[in-house]
């Protein structure tokens, strides 16, 4: 009888451990110097919500950046920007400018890889990035204590359901009909900021919780443009700081 009970206990334990999935390590980081495509976003200053974007490309890593198409309007975080964690070196003279933290209502400033896309329908043919169709069980975890912090997960496919706070992405509605995942805080430092996307805006004046948002036709243009082999990046910095780091970081030259 004891042997039978032990076998039953072993069966249930093995099933429990089989359901607990470890979180995979972040993908190998490709440096900005190897990028051939960039989405450049600037705002007037650190607290401004409205800004503009311009697409850039170059033929080789030794070539000069060239603008693609016209610039277009967008909005960033409702509280502006703060330096984020990405492919750039964090400036040593940040001074009064804060670092991005979870829930601060600021979009991350810096250089970030654009790694994948998502949307509410099957993958549109014009999207070349890896794509994830949203369902009711897809969530982006913003609980700083979770092992899945700053990850998009299917809650039915992870055994270690250890978060109390997350963004139910499909429930967001039209603003997430199309979007791009921004690789901010890829090391997933607790409290460093999570769930940063490019997506469709609510309107031309409403800031976001920390994402960068634009009109639907413009997010479609961005997605048509982005090509994984070109290692696309988001370069997002207020105008004055952009000018300060343009030469040092070899940023595209802005015409506006």
C-alpha atoms as a PDB file:
ATOM      1  CA  UNK A   1       0.000   0.000   0.000  1.00  0.00           C
ATOM      2  CA  UNK A   2       2.844   2.380   0.875  1.00  0.00           C
ATOM      3  CA  UNK A   3       4.558   1.543  -2.409  1.00  0.00           C
ATOM      4  CA  UNK A   4       1.351   2.336  -4.327  1.00  0.00           C
ATOM      5  CA  UNK A   5       0.948   5.675  -2.522  1.00  0.00           C
ATOM      6  CA  UNK A   6       4.579   6.516  -3.273  1.00  0.00           C
ATOM      7  CA  UNK A   7       4.034   5.821  -6.984  1.00  0.00           C
ATOM      8  CA  UNK A   8       0.937   8.045  -7.037  1.00  0.00           C
ATOM      9  CA  UNK A   9       2.884  10.843  -5.330  1.00  0.00           C
ATOM     10  CA  UNK A  10       5.764  10.415  -7.799  1.00  0.00           C
ATOM     11  CA  UNK A  11       3.318  10.592 -10.734  1.00  0.00           C
ATOM     12  CA  UNK A  12       1.802  13.885  -9.592  1.00  0.00           C
ATOM     13  CA  UNK A  13       5.190  15.391  -8.732  1.00  0.00           C
ATOM     14  CA  UNK A  14       6.603  14.522 -12.151  1.00  0.00           C
ATOM     15  CA  UNK A  15       3.610  16.165 -13.841  1.00  0.00           C
ATOM     16  CA  UNK A  16       3.972  19.314 -11.777  1.00  0.00           C
ATOM     17  CA  UNK A  17       7.673  19.640 -12.584  1.00  0.00           C
ATOM     18  CA  UNK A  18       6.975  18.913 -16.247  1.00  0.00           C
ATOM     19  CA  UNK A  19       4.652  21.909 -16.369  1.00  0.00           C
ATOM     20  CA  UNK A  20       7.178  24.331 -14.878  1.00  0.00           C
ATOM     21  CA  UNK A  21       9.107  25.829 -17.757  1.00  0.00           C
ATOM     22  CA  UNK A  22      12.267  27.779 -17.345  1.00  0.00           C
ATOM     23  CA  UNK A  23      12.531  31.183 -18.965  1.00  0.00           C
ATOM     24  CA  UNK A  24      14.867  31.140 -21.951  1.00  0.00           C
ATOM     25  CA  UNK A  25      17.881  33.422 -21.998  1.00  0.00           C
ATOM     26  CA  UNK A  26      17.649  36.550 -24.138  1.00  0.00           C
ATOM     27  CA  UNK A  27      18.786  36.268 -27.753  1.00  0.00           C
ATOM     28  CA  UNK A  28      22.349  37.253 -28.550  1.00  0.00           C
ATOM     29  CA  UNK A  29      22.538  41.011 -28.878  1.00  0.00           C
ATOM     30  CA  UNK A  30      23.477  42.420 -32.282  1.00  0.00           C
ATOM     31  CA  UNK A  31      25.283  45.763 -31.817  1.00  0.00           C
ATOM     32  CA  UNK A  32      23.960  48.959 -33.345  1.00  0.00           C
ATOM     33  CA  UNK A  33      27.071  49.152 -35.544  1.00  0.00           C
ATOM     34  CA  UNK A  34      25.710  46.212 -37.565  1.00  0.00           C
ATOM     35  CA  UNK A  35      22.287  47.779 -38.164  1.00  0.00           C
ATOM     36  CA  UNK A  36      21.242  48.740 -41.691  1.00  0.00           C
ATOM     37  CA  UNK A  37      17.767  50.037 -40.803  1.00  0.00           C
ATOM     38  CA  UNK A  38      16.639  52.565 -38.201  1.00  0.00           C
ATOM     39  CA  UNK A  39      13.412  54.160 -37.038  1.00  0.00           C
ATOM     40  CA  UNK A  40      14.476  57.522 -35.594  1.00  0.00           C
ATOM     41  CA  UNK A  41      12.133  59.208 -33.097  1.00  0.00           C
ATOM     42  CA  UNK A  42      12.718  62.642 -31.623  1.00  0.00           C
ATOM     43  CA  UNK A  43      10.743  64.986 -29.382  1.00  0.00           C
ATOM     44  CA  UNK A  44      11.319  68.614 -28.457  1.00  0.00           C
ATOM     45  CA  UNK A  45      12.524  67.775 -24.940  1.00  0.00           C
ATOM     46  CA  UNK A  46      12.373  65.136 -22.204  1.00  0.00           C
ATOM     47  CA  UNK A  47       8.836  65.968 -21.101  1.00  0.00           C
ATOM     48  CA  UNK A  48       7.174  66.450 -24.504  1.00  0.00           C
ATOM     49  CA  UNK A  49       4.615  63.852 -25.602  1.00  0.00           C
ATOM     50  CA  UNK A  50       4.365  64.617 -29.321  1.00  0.00           C
ATOM     51  CA  UNK A  51       7.245  63.910 -31.661  1.00  0.00           C
ATOM     52  CA  UNK A  52       8.212  62.819 -35.148  1.00  0.00           C
ATOM     53  CA  UNK A  53       9.725  59.746 -36.759  1.00  0.00           C
ATOM     54  CA  UNK A  54      11.840  59.165 -39.850  1.00  0.00           C
ATOM     55  CA  UNK A  55      12.951  55.884 -41.427  1.00  0.00           C
ATOM     56  CA  UNK A  56      16.606  55.478 -42.414  1.00  0.00           C
ATOM     57  CA  UNK A  57      18.651  52.813 -44.162  1.00  0.00           C
ATOM     58  CA  UNK A  58      22.195  52.230 -45.356  1.00  0.00           C
ATOM     59  CA  UNK A  59      23.666  49.710 -47.805  1.00  0.00           C
ATOM     60  CA  UNK A  60      26.566  48.612 -45.619  1.00  0.00           C
ATOM     61  CA  UNK A  61      27.776  49.321 -42.103  1.00  0.00           C
ATOM     62  CA  UNK A  62      30.337  51.698 -43.642  1.00  0.00           C
ATOM     63  CA  UNK A  63      27.762  53.631 -45.686  1.00  0.00           C
ATOM     64  CA  UNK A  64      26.016  56.858 -44.727  1.00  0.00           C
ATOM     65  CA  UNK A  65      22.451  56.720 -43.524  1.00  0.00           C
ATOM     66  CA  UNK A  66      19.793  57.815 -46.051  1.00  0.00           C
ATOM     67  CA  UNK A  67      16.230  58.876 -45.234  1.00  0.00           C
ATOM     68  CA  UNK A  68      13.394  56.712 -46.556  1.00  0.00           C
ATOM     69  CA  UNK A  69      10.083  58.447 -47.254  1.00  0.00           C
ATOM     70  CA  UNK A  70       8.743  61.396 -45.283  1.00  0.00           C
ATOM     71  CA  UNK A  71       8.736  61.947 -41.537  1.00  0.00           C
ATOM     72  CA  UNK A  72       5.478  61.371 -39.669  1.00  0.00           C
ATOM     73  CA  UNK A  73       3.984  62.363 -36.301  1.00  0.00           C
ATOM     74  CA  UNK A  74       3.730  60.167 -33.222  1.00  0.00           C
ATOM     75  CA  UNK A  75       3.393  60.254 -29.459  1.00  0.00           C
ATOM     76  CA  UNK A  76       5.566  58.836 -26.694  1.00  0.00           C
ATOM     77  CA  UNK A  77       4.960  58.334 -22.980  1.00  0.00           C
ATOM     78  CA  UNK A  78       2.486  60.584 -21.209  1.00  0.00           C
ATOM     79  CA  UNK A  79       5.397  61.806 -19.071  1.00  0.00           C
ATOM     80  CA  UNK A  80       7.892  62.074 -21.909  1.00  0.00           C
ATOM     81  CA  UNK A  81      11.116  60.053 -21.996  1.00  0.00           C
ATOM     82  CA  UNK A  82      13.830  58.754 -19.695  1.00  0.00           C
ATOM     83  CA  UNK A  83      17.044  56.904 -20.510  1.00  0.00           C
ATOM     84  CA  UNK A  84      16.376  53.210 -21.028  1.00  0.00           C
ATOM     85  CA  UNK A  85      18.438  50.022 -21.253  1.00  0.00           C
ATOM     86  CA  UNK A  86      19.339  49.092 -24.826  1.00  0.00           C
ATOM     87  CA  UNK A  87      22.226  48.904 -27.301  1.00  0.00           C
ATOM     88  CA  UNK A  88      23.669  52.280 -26.294  1.00  0.00           C
ATOM     89  CA  UNK A  89      26.071  53.211 -23.561  1.00  0.00           C
ATOM     90  CA  UNK A  90      24.226  54.922 -20.765  1.00  0.00           C
ATOM     91  CA  UNK A  91      25.474  58.537 -20.709  1.00  0.00           C
ATOM     92  CA  UNK A  92      27.557  59.313 -17.648  1.00  0.00           C
ATOM     93  CA  UNK A  93      26.278  62.888 -17.553  1.00  0.00           C
ATOM     94  CA  UNK A  94      22.568  62.118 -17.338  1.00  0.00           C
ATOM     95  CA  UNK A  95      22.336  64.715 -14.572  1.00  0.00           C
ATOM     96  CA  UNK A  96      18.743  65.533 -13.737  1.00  0.00           C
ATOM     97  CA  UNK A  97      17.365  63.179 -16.404  1.00  0.00           C
ATOM     98  CA  UNK A  98      15.907  60.105 -14.779  1.00  0.00           C
ATOM     99  CA  UNK A  99      16.376  56.504 -15.785  1.00  0.00           C
ATOM    100  CA  UNK A 100      13.278  54.653 -16.938  1.00  0.00           C
ATOM    101  CA  UNK A 101      11.498  52.625 -14.274  1.00  0.00           C
ATOM    102  CA  UNK A 102       8.399  50.479 -14.218  1.00  0.00           C
ATOM    103  CA  UNK A 103       5.172  52.483 -14.273  1.00  0.00           C
ATOM    104  CA  UNK A 104       6.779  55.913 -14.735  1.00  0.00           C
ATOM    105  CA  UNK A 105       4.760  56.745 -17.861  1.00  0.00           C
ATOM    106  CA  UNK A 106       7.956  57.472 -19.798  1.00  0.00           C
ATOM    107  CA  UNK A 107       9.171  56.024 -23.081  1.00  0.00           C
ATOM    108  CA  UNK A 108      12.759  54.737 -23.057  1.00  0.00           C
ATOM    109  CA  UNK A 109      15.389  56.913 -24.723  1.00  0.00           C
ATOM    110  CA  UNK A 110      18.330  55.293 -26.460  1.00  0.00           C
ATOM    111  CA  UNK A 111      18.935  52.679 -29.153  1.00  0.00           C
ATOM    112  CA  UNK A 112      16.915  49.463 -29.126  1.00  0.00           C
ATOM    113  CA  UNK A 113      16.608  46.429 -31.381  1.00  0.00           C
ATOM    114  CA  UNK A 114      13.251  45.880 -33.096  1.00  0.00           C
ATOM    115  CA  UNK A 115      12.886  42.141 -32.862  1.00  0.00           C
ATOM    116  CA  UNK A 116       9.361  40.982 -33.649  1.00  0.00           C
ATOM    117  CA  UNK A 117       5.824  42.031 -34.550  1.00  0.00           C
ATOM    118  CA  UNK A 118       2.353  41.215 -33.278  1.00  0.00           C
ATOM    119  CA  UNK A 119      -1.253  41.815 -34.215  1.00  0.00           C
ATOM    120  CA  UNK A 120      -4.860  40.801 -33.749  1.00  0.00           C
ATOM    121  CA  UNK A 121      -5.135  38.909 -37.067  1.00  0.00           C
ATOM    122  CA  UNK A 122      -3.159  36.330 -38.989  1.00  0.00           C
ATOM    123  CA  UNK A 123       0.234  37.570 -40.155  1.00  0.00           C
ATOM    124  CA  UNK A 124      -0.151  40.168 -42.931  1.00  0.00           C
ATOM    125  CA  UNK A 125       1.897  39.317 -46.017  1.00  0.00           C
ATOM    126  CA  UNK A 126       3.852  42.580 -45.866  1.00  0.00           C
ATOM    127  CA  UNK A 127       5.376  41.832 -42.452  1.00  0.00           C
ATOM    128  CA  UNK A 128       8.863  40.293 -42.569  1.00  0.00           C
ATOM    129  CA  UNK A 129       9.600  40.282 -38.833  1.00  0.00           C
ATOM    130  CA  UNK A 130       8.712  37.201 -36.759  1.00  0.00           C
ATOM    131  CA  UNK A 131       5.023  37.640 -35.946  1.00  0.00           C
ATOM    132  CA  UNK A 132       2.730  36.611 -33.110  1.00  0.00           C
ATOM    133  CA  UNK A 133      -1.045  36.627 -33.458  1.00  0.00           C
ATOM    134  CA  UNK A 134      -2.680  37.790 -30.250  1.00  0.00           C
ATOM    135  CA  UNK A 135      -5.225  35.598 -28.495  1.00  0.00           C
ATOM    136  CA  UNK A 136      -7.075  36.038 -25.211  1.00  0.00           C
ATOM    137  CA  UNK A 137      -4.321  34.142 -23.393  1.00  0.00           C
ATOM    138  CA  UNK A 138      -1.403  36.245 -24.666  1.00  0.00           C
ATOM    139  CA  UNK A 139      -0.109  38.593 -21.985  1.00  0.00           C
ATOM    140  CA  UNK A 140       2.909  40.823 -21.447  1.00  0.00           C
ATOM    141  CA  UNK A 141       4.079  40.455 -17.877  1.00  0.00           C
ATOM    142  CA  UNK A 142       4.812  43.686 -15.987  1.00  0.00           C
ATOM    143  CA  UNK A 143       4.992  42.190 -12.483  1.00  0.00           C
ATOM    144  CA  UNK A 144       8.533  43.007 -11.331  1.00  0.00           C
ATOM    145  CA  UNK A 145       8.589  39.918  -9.084  1.00  0.00           C
ATOM    146  CA  UNK A 146       7.728  37.470 -11.865  1.00  0.00           C
ATOM    147  CA  UNK A 147      10.264  35.212 -13.568  1.00  0.00           C
ATOM    148  CA  UNK A 148       8.474  36.190 -16.810  1.00  0.00           C
ATOM    149  CA  UNK A 149       8.895  39.938 -16.282  1.00  0.00           C
ATOM    150  CA  UNK A 150       9.078  41.868 -19.573  1.00  0.00           C
ATOM    151  CA  UNK A 151       8.121  38.822 -21.639  1.00  0.00           C
ATOM    152  CA  UNK A 152       5.132  38.159 -23.881  1.00  0.00           C
ATOM    153  CA  UNK A 153       3.718  34.790 -22.869  1.00  0.00           C
ATOM    154  CA  UNK A 154       0.754  32.543 -23.474  1.00  0.00           C
ATOM    155  CA  UNK A 155      -0.529  31.965 -19.966  1.00  0.00           C
ATOM    156  CA  UNK A 156      -1.857  28.525 -20.964  1.00  0.00           C
ATOM    157  CA  UNK A 157       1.592  27.417 -22.088  1.00  0.00           C
ATOM    158  CA  UNK A 158       3.641  28.406 -19.050  1.00  0.00           C
ATOM    159  CA  UNK A 159       3.502  26.242 -15.977  1.00  0.00           C
ATOM    160  CA  UNK A 160       5.072  28.779 -13.648  1.00  0.00           C
ATOM    161  CA  UNK A 161       2.164  31.224 -13.473  1.00  0.00           C
ATOM    162  CA  UNK A 162       3.891  33.542 -11.014  1.00  0.00           C
ATOM    163  CA  UNK A 163       2.628  37.033 -11.893  1.00  0.00           C
ATOM    164  CA  UNK A 164      -0.096  39.192 -10.408  1.00  0.00           C
ATOM    165  CA  UNK A 165       0.073  41.951 -13.006  1.00  0.00           C
ATOM    166  CA  UNK A 166       0.158  41.784 -16.802  1.00  0.00           C
ATOM    167  CA  UNK A 167      -1.145  43.418 -19.946  1.00  0.00           C
ATOM    168  CA  UNK A 168      -3.866  41.400 -21.673  1.00  0.00           C
ATOM    169  CA  UNK A 169      -2.781  42.400 -25.135  1.00  0.00           C
ATOM    170  CA  UNK A 170      -5.795  41.399 -27.221  1.00  0.00           C
ATOM    171  CA  UNK A 171      -8.089  43.227 -24.781  1.00  0.00           C
ATOM    172  CA  UNK A 172      -6.271  46.507 -25.488  1.00  0.00           C
ATOM    173  CA  UNK A 173      -8.189  46.646 -28.763  1.00  0.00           C
ATOM    174  CA  UNK A 174      -7.454  48.653 -31.902  1.00  0.00           C
ATOM    175  CA  UNK A 175      -4.217  50.130 -30.552  1.00  0.00           C
ATOM    176  CA  UNK A 176      -2.687  46.644 -30.626  1.00  0.00           C
ATOM    177  CA  UNK A 177      -4.098  45.614 -33.987  1.00  0.00           C
ATOM    178  CA  UNK A 178      -0.498  45.952 -35.180  1.00  0.00           C
ATOM    179  CA  UNK A 179       2.673  46.480 -33.219  1.00  0.00           C
ATOM    180  CA  UNK A 180       6.406  45.934 -32.891  1.00  0.00           C
ATOM    181  CA  UNK A 181       8.208  44.684 -29.792  1.00  0.00           C
ATOM    182  CA  UNK A 182      10.992  47.036 -28.684  1.00  0.00           C
ATOM    183  CA  UNK A 183      13.916  45.208 -27.051  1.00  0.00           C
ATOM    184  CA  UNK A 184      14.172  47.512 -24.052  1.00  0.00           C
ATOM    185  CA  UNK A 185      15.537  46.087 -20.791  1.00  0.00           C
ATOM    186  CA  UNK A 186      16.305  42.772 -22.506  1.00  0.00           C
ATOM    187  CA  UNK A 187      18.219  41.644 -19.437  1.00  0.00           C
ATOM    188  CA  UNK A 188      14.867  42.016 -17.651  1.00  0.00           C
ATOM    189  CA  UNK A 189      16.173  43.868 -14.633  1.00  0.00           C
ATOM    190  CA  UNK A 190      13.316  44.041 -12.128  1.00  0.00           C
ATOM    191  CA  UNK A 191      11.707  47.475 -12.212  1.00  0.00           C
ATOM    192  CA  UNK A 192      13.678  48.594 -15.249  1.00  0.00           C
ATOM    193  CA  UNK A 193      10.575  48.900 -17.424  1.00  0.00           C
ATOM    194  CA  UNK A 194       8.596  46.366 -19.436  1.00  0.00           C
ATOM    195  CA  UNK A 195       6.283  45.785 -22.388  1.00  0.00           C
ATOM    196  CA  UNK A 196       7.546  48.547 -24.668  1.00  0.00           C
ATOM    197  CA  UNK A 197       6.067  48.564 -28.184  1.00  0.00           C
ATOM    198  CA  UNK A 198       5.542  50.590 -31.301  1.00  0.00           C
ATOM    199  CA  UNK A 199       1.791  50.515 -31.901  1.00  0.00           C
ATOM    200  CA  UNK A 200      -1.272  52.389 -33.161  1.00  0.00           C
ATOM    201  CA  UNK A 201      -2.128  55.553 -31.280  1.00  0.00           C
ATOM    202  CA  UNK A 202      -5.360  56.474 -29.538  1.00  0.00           C
ATOM    203  CA  UNK A 203      -5.077  59.925 -31.108  1.00  0.00           C
ATOM    204  CA  UNK A 204      -2.428  62.488 -32.028  1.00  0.00           C
ATOM    205  CA  UNK A 205      -2.233  64.098 -28.590  1.00  0.00           C
ATOM    206  CA  UNK A 206      -2.683  61.301 -26.026  1.00  0.00           C
ATOM    207  CA  UNK A 207       0.550  59.959 -24.543  1.00  0.00           C
ATOM    208  CA  UNK A 208       1.089  56.290 -23.762  1.00  0.00           C
ATOM    209  CA  UNK A 209       2.095  54.347 -20.659  1.00  0.00           C
ATOM    210  CA  UNK A 210       5.626  54.131 -22.091  1.00  0.00           C
ATOM    211  CA  UNK A 211       5.256  52.934 -25.673  1.00  0.00           C
ATOM    212  CA  UNK A 212       5.615  54.904 -28.912  1.00  0.00           C
ATOM    213  CA  UNK A 213       2.395  55.199 -30.910  1.00  0.00           C
ATOM    214  CA  UNK A 214       1.408  56.450 -34.359  1.00  0.00           C
ATOM    215  CA  UNK A 215      -1.379  56.387 -36.936  1.00  0.00           C
ATOM    216  CA  UNK A 216      -2.247  52.977 -38.372  1.00  0.00           C
ATOM    217  CA  UNK A 217      -0.966  53.799 -41.858  1.00  0.00           C
ATOM    218  CA  UNK A 218       2.387  54.740 -40.358  1.00  0.00           C
ATOM    219  CA  UNK A 219       2.812  51.579 -38.286  1.00  0.00           C
ATOM    220  CA  UNK A 220       2.004  49.666 -41.481  1.00  0.00           C
ATOM    221  CA  UNK A 221       4.738  51.603 -43.290  1.00  0.00           C
ATOM    222  CA  UNK A 222       7.186  50.825 -40.491  1.00  0.00           C
ATOM    223  CA  UNK A 223       6.331  47.126 -40.645  1.00  0.00           C
ATOM    224  CA  UNK A 224       6.691  47.030 -44.434  1.00  0.00           C
ATOM    225  CA  UNK A 225      10.127  48.588 -44.002  1.00  0.00           C
ATOM    226  CA  UNK A 226      11.584  46.449 -41.207  1.00  0.00           C
ATOM    227  CA  UNK A 227      13.633  43.463 -42.372  1.00  0.00           C
ATOM    228  CA  UNK A 228      15.290  41.059 -39.883  1.00  0.00           C
ATOM    229  CA  UNK A 229      18.585  40.577 -41.818  1.00  0.00           C
ATOM    230  CA  UNK A 230      19.095  44.360 -41.618  1.00  0.00           C
ATOM    231  CA  UNK A 231      19.090  44.280 -37.795  1.00  0.00           C
ATOM    232  CA  UNK A 232      16.575  47.150 -37.474  1.00  0.00           C
ATOM    233  CA  UNK A 233      16.702  49.463 -34.481  1.00  0.00           C
ATOM    234  CA  UNK A 234      14.685  52.187 -32.822  1.00  0.00           C
ATOM    235  CA  UNK A 235      16.713  55.320 -32.083  1.00  0.00           C
ATOM    236  CA  UNK A 236      14.600  57.425 -29.732  1.00  0.00           C
ATOM    237  CA  UNK A 237      16.049  60.553 -28.129  1.00  0.00           C
ATOM    238  CA  UNK A 238      14.931  64.149 -27.476  1.00  0.00           C
ATOM    239  CA  UNK A 239      16.321  66.580 -30.081  1.00  0.00           C
ATOM    240  CA  UNK A 240      18.995  68.302 -27.980  1.00  0.00           C
ATOM    241  CA  UNK A 241      20.446  65.032 -26.695  1.00  0.00           C
ATOM    242  CA  UNK A 242      20.250  63.556 -30.198  1.00  0.00           C
ATOM    243  CA  UNK A 243      22.488  66.360 -31.453  1.00  0.00           C
ATOM    244  CA  UNK A 244      24.881  65.845 -28.545  1.00  0.00           C
ATOM    245  CA  UNK A 245      25.352  62.149 -29.301  1.00  0.00           C
ATOM    246  CA  UNK A 246      24.968  62.196 -33.098  1.00  0.00           C
ATOM    247  CA  UNK A 247      28.679  62.084 -33.870  1.00  0.00           C
ATOM    248  CA  UNK A 248      29.766  59.896 -30.956  1.00  0.00           C
ATOM    249  CA  UNK A 249      27.100  57.270 -31.603  1.00  0.00           C
ATOM    250  CA  UNK A 250      27.178  57.691 -35.424  1.00  0.00           C
ATOM    251  CA  UNK A 251      23.475  58.461 -35.610  1.00  0.00           C
ATOM    252  CA  UNK A 252      21.676  59.342 -38.862  1.00  0.00           C
ATOM    253  CA  UNK A 253      21.701  63.028 -39.760  1.00  0.00           C
ATOM    254  CA  UNK A 254      18.279  64.598 -39.316  1.00  0.00           C
ATOM    255  CA  UNK A 255      16.930  66.984 -41.943  1.00  0.00           C
ATOM    256  CA  UNK A 256      14.173  68.442 -39.785  1.00  0.00           C
END
